[in-house]
C-alpha atoms as a PDB file:
ATOM      1  CA  MET A   1      81.137 127.954 111.772  1.00  0.00           C
ATOM      2  CA  PHE A   2      81.295 125.518 108.943  1.00  0.00           C
ATOM      3  CA  ARG A   3      77.989 124.558 107.480  1.00  0.00           C
ATOM      4  CA  LYS A   4      78.060 122.632 104.443  1.00  0.00           C
ATOM      5  CA  LYS A   5      76.451 119.370 103.315  1.00  0.00           C
ATOM      6  CA  VAL A   6      79.300 117.052 102.079  1.00  0.00           C
ATOM      7  CA  THR A   7      79.644 113.426 101.034  1.00  0.00           C
ATOM      8  CA  ARG A   8      81.453 110.927 102.982  1.00  0.00           C
ATOM      9  CA  LYS A   9      84.453 110.958 100.710  1.00  0.00           C
ATOM     10  CA  GLN A  10      84.436 114.769 100.897  1.00  0.00           C
ATOM     11  CA  LEU A  11      84.275 114.642 104.668  1.00  0.00           C
ATOM     12  CA  ILE A  12      87.327 112.325 104.819  1.00  0.00           C
ATOM     13  CA  GLU A  13      89.350 114.698 102.475  1.00  0.00           C
ATOM     14  CA  PHE A  14      88.297 117.580 104.633  1.00  0.00           C
ATOM     15  CA  PHE A  15      89.485 116.149 107.873  1.00  0.00           C
ATOM     16  CA  ALA A  16      92.735 114.969 106.331  1.00  0.00           C
ATOM     17  CA  THR A  17      93.696 118.395 105.873  1.00  0.00           C
ATOM     18  CA  VAL A  18      92.800 119.989 109.386  1.00  0.00           C
ATOM     19  CA  HIS A  19      94.585 120.045 112.456  1.00  0.00           C
ATOM     20  CA  ALA A  20      93.890 117.328 115.044  1.00  0.00           C
ATOM     21  CA  CYS A  21      90.570 118.223 116.721  1.00  0.00           C
ATOM     22  CA  THR A  22      87.660 116.411 118.570  1.00  0.00           C
ATOM     23  CA  VAL A  23      85.138 115.047 116.140  1.00  0.00           C
ATOM     24  CA  VAL A  24      81.795 113.962 117.601  1.00  0.00           C
ATOM     25  CA  MET A  25      79.234 111.737 115.715  1.00  0.00           C
ATOM     26  CA  GLU A  26      76.193 109.789 116.027  1.00  0.00           C
ATOM     27  CA  ALA A  27      76.764 106.063 116.646  1.00  0.00           C
ATOM     28  CA  CYS A  28      74.733 105.212 113.455  1.00  0.00           C
ATOM     29  CA  ALA A  29      75.606 102.991 110.540  1.00  0.00           C
ATOM     30  CA  GLY A  30      79.102 103.738 109.213  1.00  0.00           C
ATOM     31  CA  ALA A  31      80.047 105.802 112.191  1.00  0.00           C
ATOM     32  CA  HIS A  32      82.448 103.116 113.352  1.00  0.00           C
ATOM     33  CA  GLN A  33      84.359 102.856 110.003  1.00  0.00           C
ATOM     34  CA  MET A  34      84.358 106.575 109.757  1.00  0.00           C
ATOM     35  CA  ALA A  35      85.731 107.000 113.371  1.00  0.00           C
ATOM     36  CA  ARG A  36      88.672 104.710 112.536  1.00  0.00           C
ATOM     37  CA  LYS A  37      89.455 106.474 109.313  1.00  0.00           C
ATOM     38  CA  LEU A  38      89.387 110.046 110.878  1.00  0.00           C
ATOM     39  CA  ALA A  39      91.548 108.667 113.914  1.00  0.00           C
ATOM     40  CA  GLU A  40      94.133 107.771 111.456  1.00  0.00           C
ATOM     41  CA  PHE A  41      94.541 111.586 110.909  1.00  0.00           C
ATOM     42  CA  GLY A  42      95.046 112.050 114.682  1.00  0.00           C
ATOM     43  CA  HIS A  43      91.557 113.372 115.528  1.00  0.00           C
ATOM     44  CA  GLN A  44      89.975 112.398 118.762  1.00  0.00           C
ATOM     45  CA  ILE A  45      86.645 110.577 118.014  1.00  0.00           C
ATOM     46  CA  LYS A  46      83.567 110.622 120.189  1.00  0.00           C
ATOM     47  CA  LEU A  47      80.492 108.672 119.497  1.00  0.00           C
ATOM     48  CA  ILE A  48      77.176 109.165 120.921  1.00  0.00           C
ATOM     49  CA  SER A  49      74.347 107.041 120.772  1.00  0.00           C
ATOM     50  CA  PRO A  50      71.152 107.990 118.885  1.00  0.00           C
ATOM     51  CA  GLN A  51      68.987 107.844 122.001  1.00  0.00           C
ATOM     52  CA  PHE A  52      71.009 110.507 123.797  1.00  0.00           C
ATOM     53  CA  VAL A  53      70.875 112.798 120.639  1.00  0.00           C
ATOM     54  CA  ARG A  54      67.293 112.703 119.977  1.00  0.00           C
ATOM     55  CA  PRO A  55      66.331 114.789 122.974  1.00  0.00           C
ATOM     56  CA  PHE A  56      68.397 117.674 121.646  1.00  0.00           C
ATOM     57  CA  VAL A  57      66.798 117.805 118.223  1.00  0.00           C
ATOM     58  CA  LYS A  58      64.886 121.011 118.165  1.00  0.00           C
ATOM     59  CA  SER A  59      63.236 121.048 114.749  1.00  0.00           C
ATOM     60  CA  ASN A  60      62.223 118.678 111.984  1.00  0.00           C
ATOM     61  CA  LYS A  61      64.884 115.948 111.455  1.00  0.00           C
ATOM     62  CA  ASN A  62      67.465 116.819 108.784  1.00  0.00           C
ATOM     63  CA  ASP A  63      71.379 116.772 108.635  1.00  0.00           C
ATOM     64  CA  PHE A  64      71.870 120.167 109.970  1.00  0.00           C
ATOM     65  CA  ALA A  65      69.341 119.713 112.778  1.00  0.00           C
ATOM     66  CA  ASP A  66      70.968 116.361 113.676  1.00  0.00           C
ATOM     67  CA  ALA A  67      74.485 117.857 113.529  1.00  0.00           C
ATOM     68  CA  GLU A  68      73.364 120.777 115.963  1.00  0.00           C
ATOM     69  CA  ALA A  69      71.696 118.205 117.955  1.00  0.00           C
ATOM     70  CA  ILE A  70      74.921 116.226 118.161  1.00  0.00           C
ATOM     71  CA  CYS A  71      77.084 119.285 119.387  1.00  0.00           C
ATOM     72  CA  GLU A  72      74.581 120.162 121.820  1.00  0.00           C
ATOM     73  CA  ALA A  73      74.528 116.591 123.251  1.00  0.00           C
ATOM     74  CA  ALA A  74      78.469 116.370 123.291  1.00  0.00           C
ATOM     75  CA  SER A  75      78.704 119.584 125.248  1.00  0.00           C
ATOM     76  CA  ARG A  76      76.935 118.007 128.326  1.00  0.00           C
ATOM     77  CA  PRO A  77      79.388 117.137 131.196  1.00  0.00           C
ATOM     78  CA  ALA A  78      77.683 114.060 132.055  1.00  0.00           C
ATOM     79  CA  MET A  79      77.078 112.679 128.369  1.00  0.00           C
ATOM     80  CA  ARG A  80      78.216 109.094 127.876  1.00  0.00           C
ATOM     81  CA  PHE A  81      80.040 108.264 124.893  1.00  0.00           C
ATOM     82  CA  VAL A  82      80.245 105.061 122.767  1.00  0.00           C
ATOM     83  CA  SER A  83      83.771 103.606 122.081  1.00  0.00           C
ATOM     84  CA  PRO A  84      84.562 103.218 118.456  1.00  0.00           C
ATOM     85  CA  LYS A  85      84.488  99.670 117.304  1.00  0.00           C
ATOM     86  CA  THR A  86      87.217  97.857 115.629  1.00  0.00           C
ATOM     87  CA  GLU A  87      86.897  95.857 112.538  1.00  0.00           C
ATOM     88  CA  SER A  88      87.034  92.629 114.664  1.00  0.00           C
ATOM     89  CA  GLN A  89      84.345  93.984 116.754  1.00  0.00           C
ATOM     90  CA  GLN A  90      82.097  94.838 113.965  1.00  0.00           C
ATOM     91  CA  THR A  91      82.727  91.457 112.323  1.00  0.00           C
ATOM     92  CA  LEU A  92      81.757  89.680 115.622  1.00  0.00           C
ATOM     93  CA  SER A  93      78.595  91.932 115.986  1.00  0.00           C
ATOM     94  CA  ALA A  94      77.588  91.000 112.331  1.00  0.00           C
ATOM     95  CA  LEU A  95      78.155  87.188 113.007  1.00  0.00           C
ATOM     96  CA  HIS A  96      76.030  87.482 116.027  1.00  0.00           C
ATOM     97  CA  LEU A  97      73.166  89.171 114.490  1.00  0.00           C
ATOM     98  CA  VAL A  98      73.025  86.747 111.850  1.00  0.00           C
ATOM     99  CA  ARG A  99      73.164  83.970 114.263  1.00  0.00           C
ATOM    100  CA  ASP A 100      70.572  85.222 116.504  1.00  0.00           C
ATOM    101  CA  SER A 101      68.144  85.479 113.548  1.00  0.00           C
ATOM    102  CA  LEU A 102      68.856  81.873 112.618  1.00  0.00           C
ATOM    103  CA  VAL A 103      68.361  80.835 116.115  1.00  0.00           C
ATOM    104  CA  ARG A 104      64.834  82.580 116.250  1.00  0.00           C
ATOM    105  CA  ASP A 105      64.014  81.008 113.073  1.00  0.00           C
ATOM    106  CA  ARG A 106      64.808  77.702 114.249  1.00  0.00           C
ATOM    107  CA  MET A 107      62.916  78.139 117.332  1.00  0.00           C
ATOM    108  CA  LYS A 108      59.930  79.213 115.507  1.00  0.00           C
ATOM    109  CA  THR A 109      60.145  76.289 112.895  1.00  0.00           C
ATOM    110  CA  CYS A 110      60.278  73.852 115.932  1.00  0.00           C
ATOM    111  CA  ASN A 111      57.171  75.638 117.536  1.00  0.00           C
ATOM    112  CA  GLN A 112      55.327  75.407 114.330  1.00  0.00           C
ATOM    113  CA  MET A 113      55.905  71.676 114.094  1.00  0.00           C
ATOM    114  CA  HIS A 114      54.634  71.343 117.755  1.00  0.00           C
ATOM    115  CA  GLY A 115      51.549  73.279 116.966  1.00  0.00           C
ATOM    116  CA  PHE A 116      50.700  71.585 113.784  1.00  0.00           C
ATOM    117  CA  LEU A 117      51.017  68.094 115.506  1.00  0.00           C
ATOM    118  CA  LEU A 118      49.081  69.141 118.518  1.00  0.00           C
ATOM    119  CA  GLU A 119      45.921  70.249 116.416  1.00  0.00           C
ATOM    120  CA  PHE A 120      45.765  66.631 115.102  1.00  0.00           C
ATOM    121  CA  GLY A 121      46.038  65.099 118.797  1.00  0.00           C
ATOM    122  CA  ILE A 122      49.956  64.451 118.772  1.00  0.00           C
ATOM    123  CA  SER A 123      51.542  65.941 121.996  1.00  0.00           C
ATOM    124  CA  LEU A 124      55.077  65.972 122.114  1.00  0.00           C
ATOM    125  CA  PRO A 125      57.449  67.285 124.958  1.00  0.00           C
ATOM    126  CA  ILE A 126      58.458  71.103 124.356  1.00  0.00           C
ATOM    127  CA  GLY A 127      61.761  71.463 122.697  1.00  0.00           C
ATOM    128  CA  GLN A 128      63.635  69.681 119.981  1.00  0.00           C
ATOM    129  CA  THR A 129      62.234  65.993 120.742  1.00  0.00           C
ATOM    130  CA  VAL A 130      59.773  66.816 117.706  1.00  0.00           C
ATOM    131  CA  ILE A 131      62.914  66.793 115.460  1.00  0.00           C
ATOM    132  CA  VAL A 132      64.201  63.408 116.812  1.00  0.00           C
ATOM    133  CA  ARG A 133      60.737  61.698 116.933  1.00  0.00           C
ATOM    134  CA  LEU A 134      58.997  63.289 113.973  1.00  0.00           C
ATOM    135  CA  PRO A 135      59.890  60.302 111.404  1.00  0.00           C
ATOM    136  CA  ALA A 136      58.469  57.944 113.910  1.00  0.00           C
ATOM    137  CA  VAL A 137      55.426  59.945 114.479  1.00  0.00           C
ATOM    138  CA  LEU A 138      54.708  60.397 110.836  1.00  0.00           C
ATOM    139  CA  ALA A 139      55.010  56.527 110.453  1.00  0.00           C
ATOM    140  CA  GLU A 140      52.681  55.770 113.416  1.00  0.00           C
ATOM    141  CA  HIS A 141      49.989  58.128 112.536  1.00  0.00           C
ATOM    142  CA  GLN A 142      47.814  58.605 109.471  1.00  0.00           C
ATOM    143  CA  LEU A 143      47.921  62.291 108.939  1.00  0.00           C
ATOM    144  CA  PRO A 144      46.873  64.270 105.747  1.00  0.00           C
ATOM    145  CA  PRO A 145      49.509  63.900 103.010  1.00  0.00           C
ATOM    146  CA  ARG A 146      49.880  67.654 102.460  1.00  0.00           C
ATOM    147  CA  LEU A 147      50.456  68.103 106.256  1.00  0.00           C
ATOM    148  CA  VAL A 148      53.199  65.449 106.052  1.00  0.00           C
ATOM    149  CA  VAL A 149      54.678  67.228 103.189  1.00  0.00           C
ATOM    150  CA  MET A 150      54.602  70.408 105.264  1.00  0.00           C
ATOM    151  CA  LEU A 151      56.236  68.792 108.278  1.00  0.00           C
ATOM    152  CA  GLU A 152      58.979  67.211 106.427  1.00  0.00           C
ATOM    153  CA  ARG A 153      59.988  70.453 104.956  1.00  0.00           C
ATOM    154  CA  LEU A 154      59.876  72.083 108.459  1.00  0.00           C
ATOM    155  CA  HIS A 155      61.921  69.272 109.549  1.00  0.00           C
ATOM    156  CA  ALA A 156      64.465  69.824 106.855  1.00  0.00           C
ATOM    157  CA  HIS A 157      64.446  73.493 107.432  1.00  0.00           C
ATOM    158  CA  PHE A 158      65.184  72.936 110.992  1.00  0.00           C
ATOM    159  CA  LYS A 159      68.245  70.780 110.069  1.00  0.00           C
ATOM    160  CA  TYR A 160      69.379  73.379 107.656  1.00  0.00           C
ATOM    161  CA  LEU A 161      69.126  76.151 110.243  1.00  0.00           C
ATOM    162  CA  SER A 162      71.162  74.062 112.750  1.00  0.00           C
ATOM    163  CA  GLU A 163      73.872  73.487 110.026  1.00  0.00           C
ATOM    164  CA  GLN A 164      74.022  77.275 109.570  1.00  0.00           C
ATOM    165  CA  ILE A 165      74.257  77.939 113.160  1.00  0.00           C
ATOM    166  CA  GLY A 166      77.005  75.473 113.565  1.00  0.00           C
ATOM    167  CA  GLU A 167      78.865  76.967 110.606  1.00  0.00           C
ATOM    168  CA  LEU A 168      78.715  80.482 112.323  1.00  0.00           C
ATOM    169  CA  ASP A 169      79.885  79.155 115.620  1.00  0.00           C
ATOM    170  CA  LYS A 170      82.852  78.028 113.844  1.00  0.00           C
ATOM    171  CA  LYS A 171      83.390  81.279 112.267  1.00  0.00           C
ATOM    172  CA  LEU A 172      83.039  82.994 115.846  1.00  0.00           C
ATOM    173  CA  SER A 173      85.667  80.819 117.151  1.00  0.00           C
ATOM    174  CA  ARG A 174      88.012  81.544 114.412  1.00  0.00           C
ATOM    175  CA  GLN A 175      87.469  85.214 114.758  1.00  0.00           C
ATOM    176  CA  LEU A 176      87.979  84.918 118.464  1.00  0.00           C
ATOM    177  CA  ALA A 177      91.252  83.115 117.794  1.00  0.00           C
ATOM    178  CA  GLU A 178      92.464  85.957 115.728  1.00  0.00           C
ATOM    179  CA  ASP A 179      91.654  88.484 118.347  1.00  0.00           C
ATOM    180  CA  ASP A 180      93.775  89.231 121.298  1.00  0.00           C
ATOM    181  CA  LEU A 181      91.058  90.343 123.474  1.00  0.00           C
ATOM    182  CA  GLY A 182      88.906  87.338 122.488  1.00  0.00           C
ATOM    183  CA  GLN A 183      91.711  85.129 123.698  1.00  0.00           C
ATOM    184  CA  ARG A 184      91.940  86.746 127.087  1.00  0.00           C
ATOM    185  CA  LEU A 185      88.206  86.714 127.599  1.00  0.00           C
ATOM    186  CA  LEU A 186      88.305  82.788 127.024  1.00  0.00           C
ATOM    187  CA  THR A 187      90.401  82.343 129.999  1.00  0.00           C
ATOM    188  CA  ILE A 188      87.628  83.701 132.419  1.00  0.00           C
ATOM    189  CA  PRO A 189      86.146  80.631 133.988  1.00  0.00           C
ATOM    190  CA  GLY A 190      82.783  79.899 132.691  1.00  0.00           C
ATOM    191  CA  VAL A 191      83.101  82.002 129.616  1.00  0.00           C
ATOM    192  CA  GLY A 192      82.971  80.121 126.183  1.00  0.00           C
ATOM    193  CA  PRO A 193      83.355  81.204 122.739  1.00  0.00           C
ATOM    194  CA  ILE A 194      79.683  82.557 122.304  1.00  0.00           C
ATOM    195  CA  THR A 195      79.704  84.801 125.601  1.00  0.00           C
ATOM    196  CA  ALA A 196      83.469  86.003 124.814  1.00  0.00           C
ATOM    197  CA  SER A 197      82.474  86.939 121.446  1.00  0.00           C
ATOM    198  CA  VAL A 198      79.493  88.949 122.531  1.00  0.00           C
ATOM    199  CA  LEU A 199      81.493  90.621 125.330  1.00  0.00           C
ATOM    200  CA  ALA A 200      84.146  91.336 122.717  1.00  0.00           C
ATOM    201  CA  ALA A 201      81.604  92.776 120.081  1.00  0.00           C
ATOM    202  CA  ASN A 202      79.752  95.239 122.319  1.00  0.00           C
ATOM    203  CA  GLY A 203      82.569  96.288 124.542  1.00  0.00           C
ATOM    204  CA  ARG A 204      80.980  95.202 127.788  1.00  0.00           C
ATOM    205  CA  TRP A 205      84.262  93.390 128.542  1.00  0.00           C
ATOM    206  CA  GLN A 206      85.596  96.795 130.138  1.00  0.00           C
ATOM    207  CA  ALA A 207      83.696  96.094 133.153  1.00  0.00           C
ATOM    208  CA  ILE A 208      85.475  92.834 133.748  1.00  0.00           C
ATOM    209  CA  ARG A 209      89.042  92.817 135.206  1.00  0.00           C
ATOM    210  CA  LEU A 210      91.076  90.741 132.782  1.00  0.00           C
END
């Protein structure tokens, strides 16, 4: 039994010197990069989702208790493991997380503009109509100057977010172009760059016959 707290650097150095074995880790931050590194030494890597490790933690959460829980979880015959992600998959995942955040921010900005206008008796169709019609609305209605300034800033922020989302879409397309799996996913009828990149990033493509 090896029971010692080590740094990531020391862990890599340790596994570089031992015979090929099975290494089980919790699929948390940094686990995928570590999995790729240890696989270079010939080890078989198995990752377990934190939600499947948690039930096996028997004491207060600490590194040793977590390690014991991971070993206990890995010993279960029916345990489901997570496939280590490639650098390309992690890059796609990061791009999507940022893109999703920007899309939510853009929707929030649009809804704020709708809400502020509605409070002053101006009702516009739900959606991005407010972006197109805002200049005309501000010209037609006498609204408080400070409200006008705020609406104009929200309008500019919406456009900025749209530009950023467009740039990320281009990055996703370029990342897919560099990835063999991404190119194969794009051959599926009805699957565009966004869907293909999501499938490639989270590994759900494995359920699809390519």
